[in-house]
């Protein structure tokens, strides 16, 4: 799955550029992600999470479900909000 990582990071950088143009509440070095299976909740997370293997696995699952069409304008991660919070609480900036 290492061959997909560059495309995920490239797309994340593109989304970050769009977010920084459209949203002033995303600090430098962070990215907005929308989490949820039905109701989406917006989270702002550090870009450093993109280097963590667990977060990359989550992004790969999101890619399988959504491809690169993210209707919310940011990365969309189709997982339970509690699972996302648990995962991100284990990550260090």
PDB file of N, CA and C in Angstrom:
ATOM      1  N   UNK A   1       0.799  -1.190   0.000  1.00  0.00           N
ATOM      2  CA  UNK A   1       0.000   0.000   0.000  1.00  0.00           C
ATOM      3  C   UNK A   1       0.845   1.259   0.000  1.00  0.00           C
ATOM      4  N   UNK A   2       2.173   1.115   0.064  1.00  0.00           N
ATOM      5  CA  UNK A   2       3.039   2.269   0.048  1.00  0.00           C
ATOM      6  C   UNK A   2       2.955   3.058  -1.243  1.00  0.00           C
ATOM      7  N   UNK A   3       2.538   2.411  -2.336  1.00  0.00           N
ATOM      8  CA  UNK A   3       2.435   3.117  -3.604  1.00  0.00           C
ATOM      9  C   UNK A   3       1.309   4.136  -3.614  1.00  0.00           C
ATOM     10  N   UNK A   4       0.328   4.023  -2.703  1.00  0.00           N
ATOM     11  CA  UNK A   4      -0.776   4.970  -2.664  1.00  0.00           C
ATOM     12  C   UNK A   4      -0.456   6.196  -1.818  1.00  0.00           C
ATOM     13  N   UNK A   5       0.472   6.061  -0.911  1.00  0.00           N
ATOM     14  CA  UNK A   5       0.775   7.139   0.025  1.00  0.00           C
ATOM     15  C   UNK A   5       1.082   8.459  -0.664  1.00  0.00           C
ATOM     16  N   UNK A   6       1.924   8.488  -1.694  1.00  0.00           N
ATOM     17  CA  UNK A   6       2.184   9.791  -2.334  1.00  0.00           C
ATOM     18  C   UNK A   6       0.923  10.446  -2.896  1.00  0.00           C
ATOM     19  N   UNK A   7       0.014   9.661  -3.460  1.00  0.00           N
ATOM     20  CA  UNK A   7      -1.206  10.257  -4.009  1.00  0.00           C
ATOM     21  C   UNK A   7      -2.091  10.804  -2.893  1.00  0.00           C
ATOM     22  N   UNK A   8      -2.129  10.129  -1.751  1.00  0.00           N
ATOM     23  CA  UNK A   8      -2.927  10.603  -0.624  1.00  0.00           C
ATOM     24  C   UNK A   8      -2.350  11.908  -0.099  1.00  0.00           C
ATOM     25  N   UNK A   9      -1.030  11.966   0.064  1.00  0.00           N
ATOM     26  CA  UNK A   9      -0.384  13.179   0.569  1.00  0.00           C
ATOM     27  C   UNK A   9      -0.536  14.323  -0.429  1.00  0.00           C
ATOM     28  N   UNK A  10      -0.359  14.032  -1.706  1.00  0.00           N
ATOM     29  CA  UNK A  10      -0.523  15.065  -2.732  1.00  0.00           C
ATOM     30  C   UNK A  10      -1.935  15.637  -2.675  1.00  0.00           C
ATOM     31  N   UNK A  11      -2.934  14.768  -2.583  1.00  0.00           N
ATOM     32  CA  UNK A  11      -4.307  15.244  -2.530  1.00  0.00           C
ATOM     33  C   UNK A  11      -4.562  16.033  -1.244  1.00  0.00           C
ATOM     34  N   UNK A  12      -4.015  15.574  -0.136  1.00  0.00           N
ATOM     35  CA  UNK A  12      -4.189  16.294   1.129  1.00  0.00           C
ATOM     36  C   UNK A  12      -3.607  17.699   1.038  1.00  0.00           C
ATOM     37  N   UNK A  13      -2.462  17.836   0.379  1.00  0.00           N
ATOM     38  CA  UNK A  13      -1.868  19.162   0.201  1.00  0.00           C
ATOM     39  C   UNK A  13      -2.761  20.046  -0.660  1.00  0.00           C
ATOM     40  N   UNK A  14      -3.371  19.450  -1.699  1.00  0.00           N
ATOM     41  CA  UNK A  14      -4.275  20.223  -2.552  1.00  0.00           C
ATOM     42  C   UNK A  14      -5.492  20.682  -1.761  1.00  0.00           C
ATOM     43  N   UNK A  15      -6.037  19.796  -0.939  1.00  0.00           N
ATOM     44  CA  UNK A  15      -7.189  20.157  -0.118  1.00  0.00           C
ATOM     45  C   UNK A  15      -6.802  21.241   0.869  1.00  0.00           C
ATOM     46  N   UNK A  16      -5.614  21.129   1.457  1.00  0.00           N
ATOM     47  CA  UNK A  16      -5.165  22.136   2.411  1.00  0.00           C
ATOM     48  C   UNK A  16      -5.087  23.504   1.746  1.00  0.00           C
ATOM     49  N   UNK A  17      -4.584  23.555   0.504  1.00  0.00           N
ATOM     50  CA  UNK A  17      -4.519  24.828  -0.204  1.00  0.00           C
ATOM     51  C   UNK A  17      -5.916  25.411  -0.397  1.00  0.00           C
ATOM     52  N   UNK A  18      -6.884  24.554  -0.765  1.00  0.00           N
ATOM     53  CA  UNK A  18      -8.256  25.029  -0.921  1.00  0.00           C
ATOM     54  C   UNK A  18      -8.812  25.516   0.407  1.00  0.00           C
ATOM     55  N   UNK A  19      -8.533  24.784   1.475  1.00  0.00           N
ATOM     56  CA  UNK A  19      -9.025  25.176   2.788  1.00  0.00           C
ATOM     57  C   UNK A  19      -8.436  26.512   3.208  1.00  0.00           C
ATOM     58  N   UNK A  20      -7.132  26.701   2.948  1.00  0.00           N
ATOM     59  CA  UNK A  20      -6.506  27.942   3.396  1.00  0.00           C
ATOM     60  C   UNK A  20      -7.037  29.144   2.625  1.00  0.00           C
ATOM     61  N   UNK A  21      -7.500  28.929   1.393  1.00  0.00           N
ATOM     62  CA  UNK A  21      -8.099  30.019   0.630  1.00  0.00           C
ATOM     63  C   UNK A  21      -9.517  30.318   1.101  1.00  0.00           C
ATOM     64  N   UNK A  22     -10.255  29.276   1.478  1.00  0.00           N
ATOM     65  CA  UNK A  22     -11.673  29.427   1.781  1.00  0.00           C
ATOM     66  C   UNK A  22     -11.984  29.512   3.268  1.00  0.00           C
ATOM     67  N   UNK A  23     -11.137  29.007   4.118  1.00  0.00           N
ATOM     68  CA  UNK A  23     -11.419  28.956   5.547  1.00  0.00           C
ATOM     69  C   UNK A  23     -10.288  29.633   6.305  1.00  0.00           C
ATOM     70  N   UNK A  24     -10.615  30.615   7.099  1.00  0.00           N
ATOM     71  CA  UNK A  24      -9.586  31.284   7.878  1.00  0.00           C
ATOM     72  C   UNK A  24      -9.391  30.629   9.235  1.00  0.00           C
ATOM     73  N   UNK A  25     -10.235  29.674   9.584  1.00  0.00           N
ATOM     74  CA  UNK A  25     -10.129  29.043  10.881  1.00  0.00           C
ATOM     75  C   UNK A  25      -9.303  27.756  10.879  1.00  0.00           C
ATOM     76  N   UNK A  26      -8.586  27.488   9.809  1.00  0.00           N
ATOM     77  CA  UNK A  26      -7.672  26.348   9.761  1.00  0.00           C
ATOM     78  C   UNK A  26      -6.258  26.913   9.893  1.00  0.00           C
ATOM     79  N   UNK A  27      -5.636  26.703  11.055  1.00  0.00           N
ATOM     80  CA  UNK A  27      -4.302  27.265  11.260  1.00  0.00           C
ATOM     81  C   UNK A  27      -3.262  26.631  10.339  1.00  0.00           C
ATOM     82  N   UNK A  28      -2.204  27.360  10.123  1.00  0.00           N
ATOM     83  CA  UNK A  28      -1.103  26.856   9.316  1.00  0.00           C
ATOM     84  C   UNK A  28      -0.601  25.564   9.947  1.00  0.00           C
ATOM     85  N   UNK A  29      -0.331  24.569   9.091  1.00  0.00           N
ATOM     86  CA  UNK A  29       0.151  23.285   9.577  1.00  0.00           C
ATOM     87  C   UNK A  29      -0.955  22.325   9.968  1.00  0.00           C
ATOM     88  N   UNK A  30      -2.193  22.663   9.643  1.00  0.00           N
ATOM     89  CA  UNK A  30      -3.339  21.823   9.976  1.00  0.00           C
ATOM     90  C   UNK A  30      -4.202  21.609   8.732  1.00  0.00           C
ATOM     91  N   UNK A  31      -5.112  20.660   8.830  1.00  0.00           N
ATOM     92  CA  UNK A  31      -6.030  20.378   7.730  1.00  0.00           C
ATOM     93  C   UNK A  31      -7.403  20.045   8.317  1.00  0.00           C
ATOM     94  N   UNK A  32      -8.446  20.432   7.590  1.00  0.00           N
ATOM     95  CA  UNK A  32      -9.805  20.111   8.020  1.00  0.00           C
ATOM     96  C   UNK A  32     -10.193  18.745   7.469  1.00  0.00           C
ATOM     97  N   UNK A  33     -10.792  17.927   8.317  1.00  0.00           N
ATOM     98  CA  UNK A  33     -11.321  16.638   7.885  1.00  0.00           C
ATOM     99  C   UNK A  33     -12.757  16.535   8.380  1.00  0.00           C
ATOM    100  N   UNK A  34     -13.584  15.871   7.594  1.00  0.00           N
ATOM    101  CA  UNK A  34     -14.978  15.638   7.957  1.00  0.00           C
ATOM    102  C   UNK A  34     -15.130  14.166   8.281  1.00  0.00           C
ATOM    103  N   UNK A  35     -15.641  13.884   9.475  1.00  0.00           N
ATOM    104  CA  UNK A  35     -15.693  12.523   9.986  1.00  0.00           C
ATOM    105  C   UNK A  35     -17.132  12.135  10.272  1.00  0.00           C
ATOM    106  N   UNK A  36     -17.485  10.930   9.876  1.00  0.00           N
ATOM    107  CA  UNK A  36     -18.807  10.397  10.181  1.00  0.00           C
ATOM    108  C   UNK A  36     -19.326   9.562   9.039  1.00  0.00           C
ATOM    109  N   UNK A  37     -20.234   8.663   9.379  1.00  0.00           N
ATOM    110  CA  UNK A  37     -20.807   7.790   8.363  1.00  0.00           C
ATOM    111  C   UNK A  37     -22.027   8.432   7.705  1.00  0.00           C
ATOM    112  N   UNK A  38     -22.850   9.102   8.488  1.00  0.00           N
ATOM    113  CA  UNK A  38     -24.027   9.785   7.938  1.00  0.00           C
ATOM    114  C   UNK A  38     -23.896  11.286   8.190  1.00  0.00           C
ATOM    115  N   UNK A  39     -23.891  11.670   9.442  1.00  0.00           N
ATOM    116  CA  UNK A  39     -23.700  13.069   9.833  1.00  0.00           C
ATOM    117  C   UNK A  39     -22.197  13.343   9.924  1.00  0.00           C
ATOM    118  N   UNK A  40     -21.712  14.322   9.208  1.00  0.00           N
ATOM    119  CA  UNK A  40     -20.276  14.637   9.190  1.00  0.00           C
ATOM    120  C   UNK A  40     -19.960  15.741  10.194  1.00  0.00           C
ATOM    121  N   UNK A  41     -18.904  15.530  10.965  1.00  0.00           N
ATOM    122  CA  UNK A  41     -18.409  16.527  11.911  1.00  0.00           C
ATOM    123  C   UNK A  41     -17.041  16.983  11.432  1.00  0.00           C
ATOM    124  N   UNK A  42     -16.811  18.275  11.463  1.00  0.00           N
ATOM    125  CA  UNK A  42     -15.546  18.841  10.984  1.00  0.00           C
ATOM    126  C   UNK A  42     -14.537  18.899  12.129  1.00  0.00           C
ATOM    127  N   UNK A  43     -13.332  18.377  11.851  1.00  0.00           N
ATOM    128  CA  UNK A  43     -12.216  18.436  12.788  1.00  0.00           C
ATOM    129  C   UNK A  43     -11.043  19.087  12.083  1.00  0.00           C
ATOM    130  N   UNK A  44     -10.230  19.799  12.825  1.00  0.00           N
ATOM    131  CA  UNK A  44      -8.991  20.370  12.299  1.00  0.00           C
ATOM    132  C   UNK A  44      -7.855  19.636  13.001  1.00  0.00           C
ATOM    133  N   UNK A  45      -7.028  18.952  12.197  1.00  0.00           N
ATOM    134  CA  UNK A  45      -5.955  18.131  12.763  1.00  0.00           C
ATOM    135  C   UNK A  45      -4.607  18.576  12.197  1.00  0.00           C
ATOM    136  N   UNK A  46      -3.525  18.315  12.924  1.00  0.00           N
ATOM    137  CA  UNK A  46      -2.199  18.666  12.420  1.00  0.00           C
ATOM    138  C   UNK A  46      -1.836  17.853  11.173  1.00  0.00           C
ATOM    139  N   UNK A  47      -1.136  18.485  10.262  1.00  0.00           N
ATOM    140  CA  UNK A  47      -0.683  17.786   9.052  1.00  0.00           C
ATOM    141  C   UNK A  47       0.249  16.628   9.413  1.00  0.00           C
ATOM    142  N   UNK A  48       0.923  16.729  10.536  1.00  0.00           N
ATOM    143  CA  UNK A  48       1.845  15.661  10.948  1.00  0.00           C
ATOM    144  C   UNK A  48       1.131  14.318  11.069  1.00  0.00           C
ATOM    145  N   UNK A  49      -0.184  14.327  11.269  1.00  0.00           N
ATOM    146  CA  UNK A  49      -0.935  13.071  11.336  1.00  0.00           C
ATOM    147  C   UNK A  49      -0.843  12.298  10.027  1.00  0.00           C
ATOM    148  N   UNK A  50      -0.616  12.996   8.917  1.00  0.00           N
ATOM    149  CA  UNK A  50      -0.527  12.327   7.611  1.00  0.00           C
ATOM    150  C   UNK A  50       0.664  11.384   7.524  1.00  0.00           C
ATOM    151  N   UNK A  51       1.625  11.512   8.448  1.00  0.00           N
ATOM    152  CA  UNK A  51       2.787  10.632   8.454  1.00  0.00           C
ATOM    153  C   UNK A  51       2.604   9.427   9.367  1.00  0.00           C
ATOM    154  N   UNK A  52       1.540   9.394  10.136  1.00  0.00           N
ATOM    155  CA  UNK A  52       1.336   8.307  11.081  1.00  0.00           C
ATOM    156  C   UNK A  52       0.656   7.128  10.382  1.00  0.00           C
ATOM    157  N   UNK A  53       1.223   5.912  10.518  1.00  0.00           N
ATOM    158  CA  UNK A  53       0.665   4.746   9.809  1.00  0.00           C
ATOM    159  C   UNK A  53      -0.822   4.496  10.081  1.00  0.00           C
ATOM    160  N   UNK A  54      -1.284   4.692  11.295  1.00  0.00           N
ATOM    161  CA  UNK A  54      -2.709   4.455  11.600  1.00  0.00           C
ATOM    162  C   UNK A  54      -3.598   5.447  10.869  1.00  0.00           C
ATOM    163  N   UNK A  55      -3.172   6.697  10.792  1.00  0.00           N
ATOM    164  CA  UNK A  55      -3.954   7.720  10.098  1.00  0.00           C
ATOM    165  C   UNK A  55      -3.929   7.460   8.590  1.00  0.00           C
ATOM    166  N   UNK A  56      -2.789   7.010   8.078  1.00  0.00           N
ATOM    167  CA  UNK A  56      -2.675   6.682   6.650  1.00  0.00           C
ATOM    168  C   UNK A  56      -3.620   5.533   6.313  1.00  0.00           C
ATOM    169  N   UNK A  57      -3.703   4.529   7.193  1.00  0.00           N
ATOM    170  CA  UNK A  57      -4.647   3.426   6.967  1.00  0.00           C
ATOM    171  C   UNK A  57      -6.083   3.947   6.885  1.00  0.00           C
ATOM    172  N   UNK A  58      -6.415   4.862   7.773  1.00  0.00           N
ATOM    173  CA  UNK A  58      -7.750   5.457   7.770  1.00  0.00           C
ATOM    174  C   UNK A  58      -7.999   6.224   6.471  1.00  0.00           C
ATOM    175  N   UNK A  59      -6.995   6.960   5.996  1.00  0.00           N
ATOM    176  CA  UNK A  59      -7.132   7.689   4.728  1.00  0.00           C
ATOM    177  C   UNK A  59      -7.285   6.735   3.543  1.00  0.00           C
ATOM    178  N   UNK A  60      -6.579   5.624   3.587  1.00  0.00           N
ATOM    179  CA  UNK A  60      -6.709   4.640   2.509  1.00  0.00           C
ATOM    180  C   UNK A  60      -8.119   4.058   2.473  1.00  0.00           C
ATOM    181  N   UNK A  61      -8.713   3.809   3.632  1.00  0.00           N
ATOM    182  CA  UNK A  61     -10.102   3.342   3.676  1.00  0.00           C
ATOM    183  C   UNK A  61     -11.044   4.404   3.118  1.00  0.00           C
ATOM    184  N   UNK A  62     -10.779   5.657   3.454  1.00  0.00           N
ATOM    185  CA  UNK A  62     -11.599   6.757   2.935  1.00  0.00           C
ATOM    186  C   UNK A  62     -11.473   6.846   1.417  1.00  0.00           C
ATOM    187  N   UNK A  63     -10.266   6.631   0.919  1.00  0.00           N
ATOM    188  CA  UNK A  63     -10.053   6.664  -0.534  1.00  0.00           C
ATOM    189  C   UNK A  63     -10.839   5.555  -1.220  1.00  0.00           C
ATOM    190  N   UNK A  64     -10.868   4.371  -0.601  1.00  0.00           N
ATOM    191  CA  UNK A  64     -11.614   3.258  -1.188  1.00  0.00           C
ATOM    192  C   UNK A  64     -13.103   3.583  -1.281  1.00  0.00           C
ATOM    193  N   UNK A  65     -13.650   4.266  -0.270  1.00  0.00           N
ATOM    194  CA  UNK A  65     -15.083   4.565  -0.262  1.00  0.00           C
ATOM    195  C   UNK A  65     -15.427   5.791  -1.090  1.00  0.00           C
ATOM    196  N   UNK A  66     -14.644   6.865  -0.972  1.00  0.00           N
ATOM    197  CA  UNK A  66     -14.980   8.129  -1.612  1.00  0.00           C
ATOM    198  C   UNK A  66     -14.125   8.463  -2.825  1.00  0.00           C
ATOM    199  N   UNK A  67     -12.998   7.779  -3.019  1.00  0.00           N
ATOM    200  CA  UNK A  67     -12.059   8.205  -4.044  1.00  0.00           C
ATOM    201  C   UNK A  67     -11.542   9.573  -3.650  1.00  0.00           C
ATOM    202  N   UNK A  68     -11.375  10.448  -4.605  1.00  0.00           N
ATOM    203  CA  UNK A  68     -10.914  11.786  -4.280  1.00  0.00           C
ATOM    204  C   UNK A  68     -12.022  12.817  -4.463  1.00  0.00           C
ATOM    205  N   UNK A  69     -13.252  12.364  -4.483  1.00  0.00           N
ATOM    206  CA  UNK A  69     -14.397  13.271  -4.561  1.00  0.00           C
ATOM    207  C   UNK A  69     -14.895  13.501  -3.140  1.00  0.00           C
ATOM    208  N   UNK A  70     -14.516  14.625  -2.560  1.00  0.00           N
ATOM    209  CA  UNK A  70     -14.887  14.942  -1.187  1.00  0.00           C
ATOM    210  C   UNK A  70     -15.914  16.065  -1.215  1.00  0.00           C
ATOM    211  N   UNK A  71     -17.189  15.712  -1.128  1.00  0.00           N
ATOM    212  CA  UNK A  71     -18.254  16.709  -1.293  1.00  0.00           C
ATOM    213  C   UNK A  71     -18.281  17.796  -0.219  1.00  0.00           C
ATOM    214  N   UNK A  72     -17.638  17.574   0.916  1.00  0.00           N
ATOM    215  CA  UNK A  72     -17.658  18.558   1.994  1.00  0.00           C
ATOM    216  C   UNK A  72     -16.588  19.634   1.801  1.00  0.00           C
ATOM    217  N   UNK A  73     -15.678  19.450   0.835  1.00  0.00           N
ATOM    218  CA  UNK A  73     -14.635  20.437   0.599  1.00  0.00           C
ATOM    219  C   UNK A  73     -13.333  20.129   1.314  1.00  0.00           C
ATOM    220  N   UNK A  74     -13.334  19.190   2.216  1.00  0.00           N
ATOM    221  CA  UNK A  74     -12.136  18.734   2.918  1.00  0.00           C
ATOM    222  C   UNK A  74     -12.085  17.226   2.825  1.00  0.00           C
ATOM    223  N   UNK A  75     -11.092  16.639   3.404  1.00  0.00           N
ATOM    224  CA  UNK A  75     -11.030  15.182   3.412  1.00  0.00           C
ATOM    225  C   UNK A  75     -12.227  14.636   4.167  1.00  0.00           C
ATOM    226  N   UNK A  76     -12.868  13.612   3.610  1.00  0.00           N
ATOM    227  CA  UNK A  76     -14.013  12.978   4.247  1.00  0.00           C
ATOM    228  C   UNK A  76     -13.603  11.582   4.681  1.00  0.00           C
ATOM    229  N   UNK A  77     -13.768  11.302   5.970  1.00  0.00           N
ATOM    230  CA  UNK A  77     -13.377  10.010   6.526  1.00  0.00           C
ATOM    231  C   UNK A  77     -14.639   9.325   7.048  1.00  0.00           C
ATOM    232  N   UNK A  78     -15.037   8.207   6.394  1.00  0.00           N
ATOM    233  CA  UNK A  78     -16.300   7.560   6.737  1.00  0.00           C
ATOM    234  C   UNK A  78     -16.165   6.582   7.909  1.00  0.00           C
ATOM    235  N   UNK A  79     -15.888   7.096   9.073  1.00  0.00           N
ATOM    236  CA  UNK A  79     -15.803   6.215  10.233  1.00  0.00           C
ATOM    237  C   UNK A  79     -16.583   6.841  11.380  1.00  0.00           C
ATOM    238  N   UNK A  80     -16.813   6.052  12.387  1.00  0.00           N
ATOM    239  CA  UNK A  80     -17.509   6.525  13.569  1.00  0.00           C
ATOM    240  C   UNK A  80     -16.686   7.631  14.231  1.00  0.00           C
ATOM    241  N   UNK A  81     -17.354   8.676  14.661  1.00  0.00           N
ATOM    242  CA  UNK A  81     -16.666   9.817  15.274  1.00  0.00           C
ATOM    243  C   UNK A  81     -15.878   9.397  16.518  1.00  0.00           C
ATOM    244  N   UNK A  82     -16.441   8.509  17.319  1.00  0.00           N
ATOM    245  CA  UNK A  82     -15.736   8.041  18.520  1.00  0.00           C
ATOM    246  C   UNK A  82     -14.456   7.291  18.157  1.00  0.00           C
ATOM    247  N   UNK A  83     -14.507   6.490  17.087  1.00  0.00           N
ATOM    248  CA  UNK A  83     -13.318   5.760  16.637  1.00  0.00           C
ATOM    249  C   UNK A  83     -12.240   6.741  16.166  1.00  0.00           C
ATOM    250  N   UNK A  84     -12.654   7.799  15.464  1.00  0.00           N
ATOM    251  CA  UNK A  84     -11.708   8.811  15.000  1.00  0.00           C
ATOM    252  C   UNK A  84     -11.063   9.521  16.190  1.00  0.00           C
ATOM    253  N   UNK A  85     -11.877   9.905  17.162  1.00  0.00           N
ATOM    254  CA  UNK A  85     -11.350  10.574  18.351  1.00  0.00           C
ATOM    255  C   UNK A  85     -10.395   9.670  19.124  1.00  0.00           C
ATOM    256  N   UNK A  86     -10.727   8.391  19.192  1.00  0.00           N
ATOM    257  CA  UNK A  86      -9.838   7.445  19.881  1.00  0.00           C
ATOM    258  C   UNK A  86      -8.493   7.349  19.141  1.00  0.00           C
ATOM    259  N   UNK A  87      -8.556   7.222  17.823  1.00  0.00           N
ATOM    260  CA  UNK A  87      -7.326   7.127  17.028  1.00  0.00           C
ATOM    261  C   UNK A  87      -6.475   8.370  17.179  1.00  0.00           C
ATOM    262  N   UNK A  88      -7.080   9.547  17.014  1.00  0.00           N
ATOM    263  CA  UNK A  88      -6.305  10.777  17.072  1.00  0.00           C
ATOM    264  C   UNK A  88      -5.786  11.067  18.480  1.00  0.00           C
ATOM    265  N   UNK A  89      -6.467  10.553  19.495  1.00  0.00           N
ATOM    266  CA  UNK A  89      -5.962  10.763  20.862  1.00  0.00           C
ATOM    267  C   UNK A  89      -4.684   9.966  21.116  1.00  0.00           C
ATOM    268  N   UNK A  90      -4.460   8.942  20.293  1.00  0.00           N
ATOM    269  CA  UNK A  90      -3.256   8.130  20.420  1.00  0.00           C
ATOM    270  C   UNK A  90      -2.062   8.718  19.660  1.00  0.00           C
ATOM    271  N   UNK A  91      -2.327   9.681  18.781  1.00  0.00           N
ATOM    272  CA  UNK A  91      -1.273  10.258  17.941  1.00  0.00           C
ATOM    273  C   UNK A  91      -0.645  11.448  18.636  1.00  0.00           C
ATOM    274  N   UNK A  92       0.621  11.653  18.346  1.00  0.00           N
ATOM    275  CA  UNK A  92       1.325  12.820  18.868  1.00  0.00           C
ATOM    276  C   UNK A  92       1.563  13.778  17.711  1.00  0.00           C
ATOM    277  N   UNK A  93       1.455  15.086  17.974  1.00  0.00           N
ATOM    278  CA  UNK A  93       1.693  16.108  16.943  1.00  0.00           C
ATOM    279  C   UNK A  93       3.106  16.027  16.416  1.00  0.00           C
TER     280      UNK A  93
END
